[in-house]
PDB file of all heavy atoms in Angstrom:
ATOM      1  N   VAL A   1      -3.710   5.552  -7.371  1.00  0.00           N
ATOM      2  CA  VAL A   1      -3.873   5.022  -8.732  1.00  0.00           C
ATOM      3  C   VAL A   1      -4.793   5.930  -9.535  1.00  0.00           C
ATOM      4  O   VAL A   1      -4.568   6.176 -10.730  1.00  0.00           O
ATOM      5  CB  VAL A   1      -4.435   3.582  -8.690  1.00  0.00           C
ATOM      6  CG1 VAL A   1      -4.821   3.118 -10.089  1.00  0.00           C
ATOM      7  CG2 VAL A   1      -3.412   2.634  -8.092  1.00  0.00           C
ATOM      8  N   ARG A   2      -5.832   6.472  -8.902  1.00  0.00           N
ATOM      9  CA  ARG A   2      -6.745   7.390  -9.589  1.00  0.00           C
ATOM     10  C   ARG A   2      -5.999   8.658 -10.010  1.00  0.00           C
ATOM     11  O   ARG A   2      -6.226   9.189 -11.098  1.00  0.00           O
ATOM     12  CB  ARG A   2      -7.920   7.737  -8.673  1.00  0.00           C
ATOM     13  CG  ARG A   2      -9.066   8.476  -9.390  1.00  0.00           C
ATOM     14  CD  ARG A   2     -10.177   8.840  -8.430  1.00  0.00           C
ATOM     15  NE  ARG A   2     -10.711   7.661  -7.750  1.00  0.00           N
ATOM     16  CZ  ARG A   2     -10.630   7.459  -6.437  1.00  0.00           C
ATOM     17  NH1 ARG A   2     -10.031   8.350  -5.657  1.00  0.00           N
ATOM     18  NH2 ARG A   2     -11.146   6.376  -5.899  1.00  0.00           N
ATOM     19  N   LEU A   3      -5.084   9.131  -9.173  1.00  0.00           N
ATOM     20  CA  LEU A   3      -4.284  10.303  -9.533  1.00  0.00           C
ATOM     21  C   LEU A   3      -3.420  10.022 -10.763  1.00  0.00           C
ATOM     22  O   LEU A   3      -3.206  10.896 -11.603  1.00  0.00           O
ATOM     23  CB  LEU A   3      -3.380  10.699  -8.364  1.00  0.00           C
ATOM     24  CG  LEU A   3      -4.010  11.488  -7.210  1.00  0.00           C
ATOM     25  CD1 LEU A   3      -2.967  11.747  -6.147  1.00  0.00           C
ATOM     26  CD2 LEU A   3      -4.597  12.799  -7.700  1.00  0.00           C
ATOM     27  N   MET A   4      -2.928   8.789 -10.863  1.00  0.00           N
ATOM     28  CA  MET A   4      -2.079   8.430 -11.998  1.00  0.00           C
ATOM     29  C   MET A   4      -2.814   8.557 -13.326  1.00  0.00           C
ATOM     30  O   MET A   4      -2.204   8.829 -14.364  1.00  0.00           O
ATOM     31  CB  MET A   4      -1.575   6.994 -11.845  1.00  0.00           C
ATOM     32  CG  MET A   4      -0.609   6.764 -10.717  1.00  0.00           C
ATOM     33  SD  MET A   4      -0.166   5.015 -10.597  1.00  0.00           S
ATOM     34  CE  MET A   4       1.032   5.051  -9.267  1.00  0.00           C
ATOM     35  N   SER A   5      -4.119   8.351 -13.296  1.00  0.00           N
ATOM     36  CA  SER A   5      -4.891   8.340 -14.534  1.00  0.00           C
ATOM     37  C   SER A   5      -5.281   9.727 -15.005  1.00  0.00           C
ATOM     38  O   SER A   5      -5.800   9.891 -16.108  1.00  0.00           O
ATOM     39  CB  SER A   5      -6.157   7.489 -14.354  1.00  0.00           C
ATOM     40  OG  SER A   5      -7.013   8.073 -13.376  1.00  0.00           O
ATOM     41  N   LEU A   6      -5.039  10.755 -14.166  1.00  0.00           N
ATOM     42  CA  LEU A   6      -5.400  12.112 -14.550  1.00  0.00           C
ATOM     43  C   LEU A   6      -4.385  12.660 -15.547  1.00  0.00           C
ATOM     44  O   LEU A   6      -3.261  12.200 -15.648  1.00  0.00           O
ATOM     45  CB  LEU A   6      -5.461  13.016 -13.320  1.00  0.00           C
ATOM     46  CG  LEU A   6      -6.491  12.623 -12.247  1.00  0.00           C
ATOM     47  CD1 LEU A   6      -6.416  13.573 -11.072  1.00  0.00           C
ATOM     48  CD2 LEU A   6      -7.900  12.620 -12.823  1.00  0.00           C
ATOM     49  N   HIS A   7      -4.789  13.671 -16.293  1.00  0.00           N
ATOM     50  CA  HIS A   7      -3.916  14.248 -17.315  1.00  0.00           C
ATOM     51  C   HIS A   7      -3.204  15.508 -16.838  1.00  0.00           C
ATOM     52  O   HIS A   7      -2.398  16.068 -17.557  1.00  0.00           O
ATOM     53  CB  HIS A   7      -4.734  14.573 -18.573  1.00  0.00           C
ATOM     54  CG  HIS A   7      -5.392  13.373 -19.181  1.00  0.00           C
ATOM     55  ND1 HIS A   7      -4.675  12.372 -19.806  1.00  0.00           N
ATOM     56  CD2 HIS A   7      -6.692  13.006 -19.242  1.00  0.00           C
ATOM     57  CE1 HIS A   7      -5.516  11.439 -20.249  1.00  0.00           C
ATOM     58  NE2 HIS A   7      -6.734  11.805 -19.919  1.00  0.00           N
ATOM     59  N   THR A   8      -3.527  15.964 -15.652  1.00  0.00           N
ATOM     60  CA  THR A   8      -2.921  17.211 -15.152  1.00  0.00           C
ATOM     61  C   THR A   8      -2.218  16.939 -13.838  1.00  0.00           C
ATOM     62  O   THR A   8      -2.499  17.568 -12.827  1.00  0.00           O
ATOM     63  CB  THR A   8      -3.999  18.295 -14.960  1.00  0.00           C
ATOM     64  OG1 THR A   8      -5.023  17.776 -14.082  1.00  0.00           O
ATOM     65  CG2 THR A   8      -4.620  18.684 -16.278  1.00  0.00           C
ATOM     66  N   ILE A   9      -1.303  15.967 -13.844  1.00  0.00           N
ATOM     67  CA  ILE A   9      -0.664  15.589 -12.596  1.00  0.00           C
ATOM     68  C   ILE A   9       0.843  15.838 -12.624  1.00  0.00           C
ATOM     69  O   ILE A   9       1.589  15.230 -11.868  1.00  0.00           O
ATOM     70  CB  ILE A   9      -0.953  14.109 -12.266  1.00  0.00           C
ATOM     71  CG1 ILE A   9      -0.747  13.212 -13.492  1.00  0.00           C
ATOM     72  CG2 ILE A   9      -2.338  13.901 -11.767  1.00  0.00           C
ATOM     73  CD1 ILE A   9       0.612  12.626 -13.618  1.00  0.00           C
ATOM     74  N   GLU A  10       1.316  16.748 -13.503  1.00  0.00           N
ATOM     75  CA  GLU A  10       2.746  16.981 -13.582  1.00  0.00           C
ATOM     76  C   GLU A  10       3.332  17.366 -12.221  1.00  0.00           C
ATOM     77  O   GLU A  10       4.407  16.899 -11.844  1.00  0.00           O
ATOM     78  CB  GLU A  10       3.052  18.093 -14.601  1.00  0.00           C
ATOM     79  CG  GLU A  10       2.855  17.693 -16.058  1.00  0.00           C
ATOM     80  CD  GLU A  10       1.397  17.774 -16.495  1.00  0.00           C
ATOM     81  OE1 GLU A  10       0.566  18.171 -15.660  1.00  0.00           O
ATOM     82  OE2 GLU A  10       1.099  17.441 -17.651  1.00  0.00           O
ATOM     83  N   ASP A  11       2.603  18.202 -11.476  1.00  0.00           N
ATOM     84  CA  ASP A  11       3.095  18.641 -10.178  1.00  0.00           C
ATOM     85  C   ASP A  11       3.091  17.521  -9.147  1.00  0.00           C
ATOM     86  O   ASP A  11       3.728  17.638  -8.102  1.00  0.00           O
ATOM     87  CB  ASP A  11       2.241  19.806  -9.653  1.00  0.00           C
ATOM     88  CG  ASP A  11       2.383  21.057 -10.506  1.00  0.00           C
ATOM     89  OD1 ASP A  11       3.407  21.167 -11.197  1.00  0.00           O
ATOM     90  OD2 ASP A  11       1.468  21.895 -10.490  1.00  0.00           O
ATOM     91  N   LEU A  12       2.377  16.448  -9.437  1.00  0.00           N
ATOM     92  CA  LEU A  12       2.252  15.353  -8.477  1.00  0.00           C
ATOM     93  C   LEU A  12       3.143  14.168  -8.820  1.00  0.00           C
ATOM     94  O   LEU A  12       3.196  13.198  -8.059  1.00  0.00           O
ATOM     95  CB  LEU A  12       0.790  14.878  -8.413  1.00  0.00           C
ATOM     96  CG  LEU A  12      -0.237  15.905  -7.933  1.00  0.00           C
ATOM     97  CD1 LEU A  12      -1.643  15.371  -8.131  1.00  0.00           C
ATOM     98  CD2 LEU A  12      -0.010  16.232  -6.469  1.00  0.00           C
ATOM     99  N   THR A  13       3.819  14.216  -9.938  1.00  0.00           N
ATOM    100  CA  THR A  13       4.608  13.066 -10.385  1.00  0.00           C
ATOM    101  C   THR A  13       5.607  12.624  -9.330  1.00  0.00           C
ATOM    102  O   THR A  13       5.702  11.439  -8.989  1.00  0.00           O
ATOM    103  CB  THR A  13       5.340  13.403 -11.697  1.00  0.00           C
ATOM    104  OG1 THR A  13       4.377  13.705 -12.696  1.00  0.00           O
ATOM    105  CG2 THR A  13       6.197  12.236 -12.140  1.00  0.00           C
ATOM    106  N   SER A  14       6.375  13.568  -8.806  1.00  0.00           N
ATOM    107  CA  SER A  14       7.394  13.219  -7.815  1.00  0.00           C
ATOM    108  C   SER A  14       6.752  12.629  -6.557  1.00  0.00           C
ATOM    109  O   SER A  14       7.270  11.662  -5.995  1.00  0.00           O
ATOM    110  CB  SER A  14       8.212  14.457  -7.452  1.00  0.00           C
ATOM    111  OG  SER A  14       9.240  14.129  -6.552  1.00  0.00           O
ATOM    112  N   CYS A  15       5.631  13.198  -6.131  1.00  0.00           N
ATOM    113  CA  CYS A  15       4.951  12.684  -4.938  1.00  0.00           C
ATOM    114  C   CYS A  15       4.465  11.251  -5.144  1.00  0.00           C
ATOM    115  O   CYS A  15       4.550  10.418  -4.240  1.00  0.00           O
ATOM    116  CB  CYS A  15       3.759  13.579  -4.580  1.00  0.00           C
ATOM    117  SG  CYS A  15       4.199  15.236  -4.037  1.00  0.00           S
ATOM    118  N   ILE A  16       3.954  10.969  -6.342  1.00  0.00           N
ATOM    119  CA  ILE A  16       3.454   9.622  -6.623  1.00  0.00           C
ATOM    120  C   ILE A  16       4.603   8.623  -6.649  1.00  0.00           C
ATOM    121  O   ILE A  16       4.495   7.518  -6.109  1.00  0.00           O
ATOM    122  CB  ILE A  16       2.668   9.611  -7.949  1.00  0.00           C
ATOM    123  CG1 ILE A  16       1.382  10.434  -7.802  1.00  0.00           C
ATOM    124  CG2 ILE A  16       2.338   8.192  -8.382  1.00  0.00           C
ATOM    125  CD1 ILE A  16       0.603  10.610  -9.088  1.00  0.00           C
ATOM    126  N   LEU A  17       5.727   9.006  -7.263  1.00  0.00           N
ATOM    127  CA  LEU A  17       6.887   8.122  -7.271  1.00  0.00           C
ATOM    128  C   LEU A  17       7.418   7.904  -5.852  1.00  0.00           C
ATOM    129  O   LEU A  17       7.869   6.807  -5.513  1.00  0.00           O
ATOM    130  CB  LEU A  17       7.979   8.695  -8.163  1.00  0.00           C
ATOM    131  CG  LEU A  17       7.673   8.705  -9.668  1.00  0.00           C
ATOM    132  CD1 LEU A  17       8.793   9.400 -10.434  1.00  0.00           C
ATOM    133  CD2 LEU A  17       7.463   7.298 -10.203  1.00  0.00           C
ATOM    134  N   ASP A  18       7.351   8.943  -5.023  1.00  0.00           N
ATOM    135  CA  ASP A  18       7.738   8.788  -3.621  1.00  0.00           C
ATOM    136  C   ASP A  18       6.809   7.799  -2.912  1.00  0.00           C
ATOM    137  O   ASP A  18       7.261   6.979  -2.109  1.00  0.00           O
ATOM    138  CB  ASP A  18       7.680  10.138  -2.894  1.00  0.00           C
ATOM    139  CG  ASP A  18       8.834  11.052  -3.274  1.00  0.00           C
ATOM    140  OD1 ASP A  18       9.835  10.541  -3.806  1.00  0.00           O
ATOM    141  OD2 ASP A  18       8.722  12.269  -3.050  1.00  0.00           O
ATOM    142  N   PHE A  19       5.524   7.885  -3.200  1.00  0.00           N
ATOM    143  CA  PHE A  19       4.575   6.970  -2.578  1.00  0.00           C
ATOM    144  C   PHE A  19       4.872   5.531  -2.996  1.00  0.00           C
ATOM    145  O   PHE A  19       4.818   4.608  -2.176  1.00  0.00           O
ATOM    146  CB  PHE A  19       3.136   7.345  -2.955  1.00  0.00           C
ATOM    147  CG  PHE A  19       2.101   6.450  -2.320  1.00  0.00           C
ATOM    148  CD1 PHE A  19       1.670   6.681  -1.027  1.00  0.00           C
ATOM    149  CD2 PHE A  19       1.585   5.368  -3.013  1.00  0.00           C
ATOM    150  CE1 PHE A  19       0.727   5.839  -0.435  1.00  0.00           C
ATOM    151  CE2 PHE A  19       0.651   4.530  -2.435  1.00  0.00           C
ATOM    152  CZ  PHE A  19       0.224   4.767  -1.140  1.00  0.00           C
ATOM    153  N   GLN A  20       5.182   5.321  -4.271  1.00  0.00           N
ATOM    154  CA  GLN A  20       5.538   3.984  -4.728  1.00  0.00           C
ATOM    155  C   GLN A  20       6.752   3.453  -3.973  1.00  0.00           C
ATOM    156  O   GLN A  20       6.783   2.287  -3.572  1.00  0.00           O
ATOM    157  CB  GLN A  20       5.830   3.997  -6.234  1.00  0.00           C
ATOM    158  CG  GLN A  20       4.596   4.136  -7.083  1.00  0.00           C
ATOM    159  CD  GLN A  20       4.887   4.153  -8.576  1.00  0.00           C
ATOM    160  OE1 GLN A  20       3.983   4.217  -9.385  1.00  0.00           O
ATOM    161  NE2 GLN A  20       6.147   4.098  -8.960  1.00  0.00           N
ATOM    162  N   ALA A  21       7.762   4.319  -3.793  1.00  0.00           N
ATOM    163  CA  ALA A  21       8.954   3.903  -3.054  1.00  0.00           C
ATOM    164  C   ALA A  21       8.602   3.569  -1.610  1.00  0.00           C
ATOM    165  O   ALA A  21       9.113   2.596  -1.037  1.00  0.00           O
ATOM    166  CB  ALA A  21      10.010   5.009  -3.106  1.00  0.00           C
ATOM    167  N   ASN A  22       7.727   4.361  -1.008  1.00  0.00           N
ATOM    168  CA  ASN A  22       7.297   4.081   0.363  1.00  0.00           C
ATOM    169  C   ASN A  22       6.506   2.783   0.445  1.00  0.00           C
ATOM    170  O   ASN A  22       6.616   2.032   1.410  1.00  0.00           O
ATOM    171  CB  ASN A  22       6.453   5.244   0.901  1.00  0.00           C
ATOM    172  CG  ASN A  22       7.301   6.406   1.380  1.00  0.00           C
ATOM    173  OD1 ASN A  22       8.357   6.215   1.979  1.00  0.00           O
ATOM    174  ND2 ASN A  22       6.865   7.615   1.097  1.00  0.00           N
ATOM    175  N   PHE A  23       5.681   2.512  -0.581  1.00  0.00           N
ATOM    176  CA  PHE A  23       4.891   1.281  -0.561  1.00  0.00           C
ATOM    177  C   PHE A  23       5.796   0.061  -0.729  1.00  0.00           C
ATOM    178  O   PHE A  23       5.500  -1.015  -0.198  1.00  0.00           O
ATOM    179  CB  PHE A  23       3.819   1.315  -1.653  1.00  0.00           C
ATOM    180  CG  PHE A  23       2.805   0.209  -1.524  1.00  0.00           C
ATOM    181  CD1 PHE A  23       2.029   0.087  -0.390  1.00  0.00           C
ATOM    182  CD2 PHE A  23       2.636  -0.724  -2.537  1.00  0.00           C
ATOM    183  CE1 PHE A  23       1.096  -0.938  -0.254  1.00  0.00           C
ATOM    184  CE2 PHE A  23       1.715  -1.745  -2.425  1.00  0.00           C
ATOM    185  CZ  PHE A  23       0.941  -1.861  -1.278  1.00  0.00           C
ATOM    186  N   ILE A  24       6.908   0.225  -1.464  1.00  0.00           N
ATOM    187  CA  ILE A  24       7.895  -0.864  -1.528  1.00  0.00           C
ATOM    188  C   ILE A  24       8.445  -1.147  -0.135  1.00  0.00           C
ATOM    189  O   ILE A  24       8.624  -2.308   0.257  1.00  0.00           O
ATOM    190  CB  ILE A  24       9.030  -0.501  -2.498  1.00  0.00           C
ATOM    191  CG1 ILE A  24       8.551  -0.675  -3.947  1.00  0.00           C
ATOM    192  CG2 ILE A  24      10.270  -1.360  -2.254  1.00  0.00           C
ATOM    193  CD1 ILE A  24       9.598  -0.357  -4.992  1.00  0.00           C
ATOM    194  N   ARG A  25       8.679  -0.090   0.634  1.00  0.00           N
ATOM    195  CA  ARG A  25       9.156  -0.281   2.009  1.00  0.00           C
ATOM    196  C   ARG A  25       8.111  -1.021   2.849  1.00  0.00           C
ATOM    197  O   ARG A  25       8.439  -1.880   3.667  1.00  0.00           O
ATOM    198  CB  ARG A  25       9.480   1.066   2.648  1.00  0.00           C
ATOM    199  CG  ARG A  25      10.595   1.836   1.956  1.00  0.00           C
ATOM    200  CD  ARG A  25      10.922   3.116   2.708  1.00  0.00           C
ATOM    201  NE  ARG A  25      11.970   3.876   2.040  1.00  0.00           N
ATOM    202  CZ  ARG A  25      11.770   4.963   1.329  1.00  0.00           C
ATOM    203  NH1 ARG A  25      10.539   5.429   1.192  1.00  0.00           N
ATOM    204  NH2 ARG A  25      12.763   5.599   0.763  1.00  0.00           N
ATOM    205  N   VAL A  26       6.841  -0.665   2.647  1.00  0.00           N
ATOM    206  CA  VAL A  26       5.771  -1.329   3.385  1.00  0.00           C
ATOM    207  C   VAL A  26       5.734  -2.820   3.036  1.00  0.00           C
ATOM    208  O   VAL A  26       5.673  -3.692   3.919  1.00  0.00           O
ATOM    209  CB  VAL A  26       4.406  -0.670   3.077  1.00  0.00           C
ATOM    210  CG1 VAL A  26       3.260  -1.486   3.673  1.00  0.00           C
ATOM    211  CG2 VAL A  26       4.375   0.754   3.623  1.00  0.00           C
ATOM    212  N   ILE A  27       5.762  -3.127   1.731  1.00  0.00           N
ATOM    213  CA  ILE A  27       5.717  -4.516   1.291  1.00  0.00           C
ATOM    214  C   ILE A  27       6.934  -5.282   1.812  1.00  0.00           C
ATOM    215  O   ILE A  27       6.829  -6.426   2.277  1.00  0.00           O
ATOM    216  CB  ILE A  27       5.654  -4.583  -0.253  1.00  0.00           C
ATOM    217  CG1 ILE A  27       4.300  -4.046  -0.759  1.00  0.00           C
ATOM    218  CG2 ILE A  27       5.865  -6.000  -0.747  1.00  0.00           C
ATOM    219  CD1 ILE A  27       3.121  -4.897  -0.397  1.00  0.00           C
ATOM    220  N   TYR A  28       8.109  -4.647   1.728  1.00  0.00           N
ATOM    221  CA  TYR A  28       9.323  -5.316   2.193  1.00  0.00           C
ATOM    222  C   TYR A  28       9.248  -5.610   3.692  1.00  0.00           C
ATOM    223  O   TYR A  28       9.629  -6.699   4.144  1.00  0.00           O
ATOM    224  CB  TYR A  28      10.544  -4.449   1.899  1.00  0.00           C
ATOM    225  CG  TYR A  28      11.847  -5.061   2.369  1.00  0.00           C
ATOM    226  CD1 TYR A  28      12.505  -6.011   1.593  1.00  0.00           C
ATOM    227  CD2 TYR A  28      12.407  -4.704   3.593  1.00  0.00           C
ATOM    228  CE1 TYR A  28      13.695  -6.587   2.022  1.00  0.00           C
ATOM    229  CE2 TYR A  28      13.588  -5.277   4.035  1.00  0.00           C
ATOM    230  CZ  TYR A  28      14.228  -6.215   3.249  1.00  0.00           C
ATOM    231  OH  TYR A  28      15.400  -6.794   3.685  1.00  0.00           O
ATOM    232  N   ARG A  29       8.765  -4.652   4.452  1.00  0.00           N
ATOM    233  CA  ARG A  29       8.676  -4.877   5.900  1.00  0.00           C
ATOM    234  C   ARG A  29       7.712  -6.009   6.206  1.00  0.00           C
ATOM    235  O   ARG A  29       7.983  -6.853   7.069  1.00  0.00           O
ATOM    236  CB  ARG A  29       8.243  -3.596   6.599  1.00  0.00           C
ATOM    237  CG  ARG A  29       7.947  -3.826   8.082  1.00  0.00           C
ATOM    238  CD  ARG A  29       7.996  -2.571   8.887  1.00  0.00           C
ATOM    239  NE  ARG A  29       7.590  -2.832  10.258  1.00  0.00           N
ATOM    240  CZ  ARG A  29       7.904  -2.076  11.287  1.00  0.00           C
ATOM    241  NH1 ARG A  29       8.652  -1.012  11.098  1.00  0.00           N
ATOM    242  NH2 ARG A  29       7.497  -2.367  12.495  1.00  0.00           N
ATOM    243  N   LYS A  30       6.575  -6.049   5.522  1.00  0.00           N
ATOM    244  CA  LYS A  30       5.630  -7.143   5.752  1.00  0.00           C
ATOM    245  C   LYS A  30       6.245  -8.480   5.359  1.00  0.00           C
ATOM    246  O   LYS A  30       6.034  -9.493   6.033  1.00  0.00           O
ATOM    247  CB  LYS A  30       4.345  -6.892   4.957  1.00  0.00           C
ATOM    248  CG  LYS A  30       3.485  -5.773   5.509  1.00  0.00           C
ATOM    249  CD  LYS A  30       2.163  -5.658   4.755  1.00  0.00           C
ATOM    250  CE  LYS A  30       1.274  -4.606   5.391  1.00  0.00           C
ATOM    251  NZ  LYS A  30      -0.054  -4.531   4.735  1.00  0.00           N
ATOM    252  N   LYS A  31       7.001  -8.486   4.281  1.00  0.00           N
ATOM    253  CA  LYS A  31       7.600  -9.735   3.799  1.00  0.00           C
ATOM    254  C   LYS A  31       8.666 -10.254   4.760  1.00  0.00           C
ATOM    255  O   LYS A  31       8.891 -11.469   4.859  1.00  0.00           O
ATOM    256  CB  LYS A  31       8.213  -9.513   2.414  1.00  0.00           C
ATOM    257  CG  LYS A  31       8.708 -10.765   1.706  1.00  0.00           C
ATOM    258  CD  LYS A  31       9.122 -10.434   0.284  1.00  0.00           C
ATOM    259  CE  LYS A  31       9.550 -11.694  -0.465  1.00  0.00           C
ATOM    260  NZ  LYS A  31      10.838 -12.210   0.014  1.00  0.00           N
ATOM    261  N   THR A  32       9.323  -9.360   5.469  1.00  0.00           N
ATOM    262  CA  THR A  32      10.391  -9.762   6.384  1.00  0.00           C
ATOM    263  C   THR A  32       9.930  -9.834   7.843  1.00  0.00           C
ATOM    264  O   THR A  32      10.750 -10.070   8.731  1.00  0.00           O
ATOM    265  CB  THR A  32      11.570  -8.787   6.272  1.00  0.00           C
ATOM    266  OG1 THR A  32      11.109  -7.444   6.480  1.00  0.00           O
ATOM    267  CG2 THR A  32      12.217  -8.884   4.903  1.00  0.00           C
ATOM    268  N   THR A  33       8.640  -9.630   8.091  1.00  0.00           N
ATOM    269  CA  THR A  33       8.088  -9.782   9.440  1.00  0.00           C
ATOM    270  C   THR A  33       7.557 -11.203   9.584  1.00  0.00           C
ATOM    271  O   THR A  33       6.661 -11.619   8.847  1.00  0.00           O
ATOM    272  CB  THR A  33       6.951  -8.777   9.698  1.00  0.00           C
ATOM    273  OG1 THR A  33       7.456  -7.440   9.557  1.00  0.00           O
ATOM    274  CG2 THR A  33       6.385  -8.961  11.100  1.00  0.00           C
ATOM    275  N   LEU A  34       8.113 -11.962  10.509  1.00  0.00           N
ATOM    276  CA  LEU A  34       7.749 -13.367  10.658  1.00  0.00           C
ATOM    277  C   LEU A  34       6.327 -13.528  11.182  1.00  0.00           C
ATOM    278  O   LEU A  34       5.845 -12.728  11.999  1.00  0.00           O
ATOM    279  CB  LEU A  34       8.729 -14.063  11.600  1.00  0.00           C
ATOM    280  CG  LEU A  34      10.184 -14.137  11.133  1.00  0.00           C
ATOM    281  CD1 LEU A  34      11.046 -14.819  12.194  1.00  0.00           C
ATOM    282  CD2 LEU A  34      10.279 -14.883   9.807  1.00  0.00           C
ATOM    283  N   VAL A  35       5.667 -14.559  10.710  1.00  0.00           N
ATOM    284  CA  VAL A  35       4.328 -14.904  11.196  1.00  0.00           C
ATOM    285  C   VAL A  35       4.473 -15.650  12.516  1.00  0.00           C
ATOM    286  O   VAL A  35       5.216 -16.637  12.599  1.00  0.00           O
ATOM    287  CB  VAL A  35       3.583 -15.778  10.170  1.00  0.00           C
ATOM    288  CG1 VAL A  35       2.259 -16.277  10.747  1.00  0.00           C
ATOM    289  CG2 VAL A  35       3.349 -15.001   8.886  1.00  0.00           C
ATOM    290  N   ASP A  36       3.800 -15.187  13.537  1.00  0.00           N
ATOM    291  CA  ASP A  36       3.868 -15.833  14.855  1.00  0.00           C
ATOM    292  C   ASP A  36       2.513 -15.708  15.537  1.00  0.00           C
ATOM    293  O   ASP A  36       2.261 -14.750  16.273  1.00  0.00           O
ATOM    294  CB  ASP A  36       4.960 -15.187  15.707  1.00  0.00           C
ATOM    295  CG  ASP A  36       5.299 -16.005  16.945  1.00  0.00           C
ATOM    296  OD1 ASP A  36       4.497 -16.894  17.298  1.00  0.00           O
ATOM    297  OD2 ASP A  36       6.362 -15.768  17.552  1.00  0.00           O
TER     298      ASP A  36
END
């Protein structure tokens, strides 16, 4: 999130969007893992 607020992150844009996609996978896996 701190990287997102910087003004010189053009080279990092794709990496940040990839991280968001990966975090969606993390959230989805947690949501579909049953509590036991």
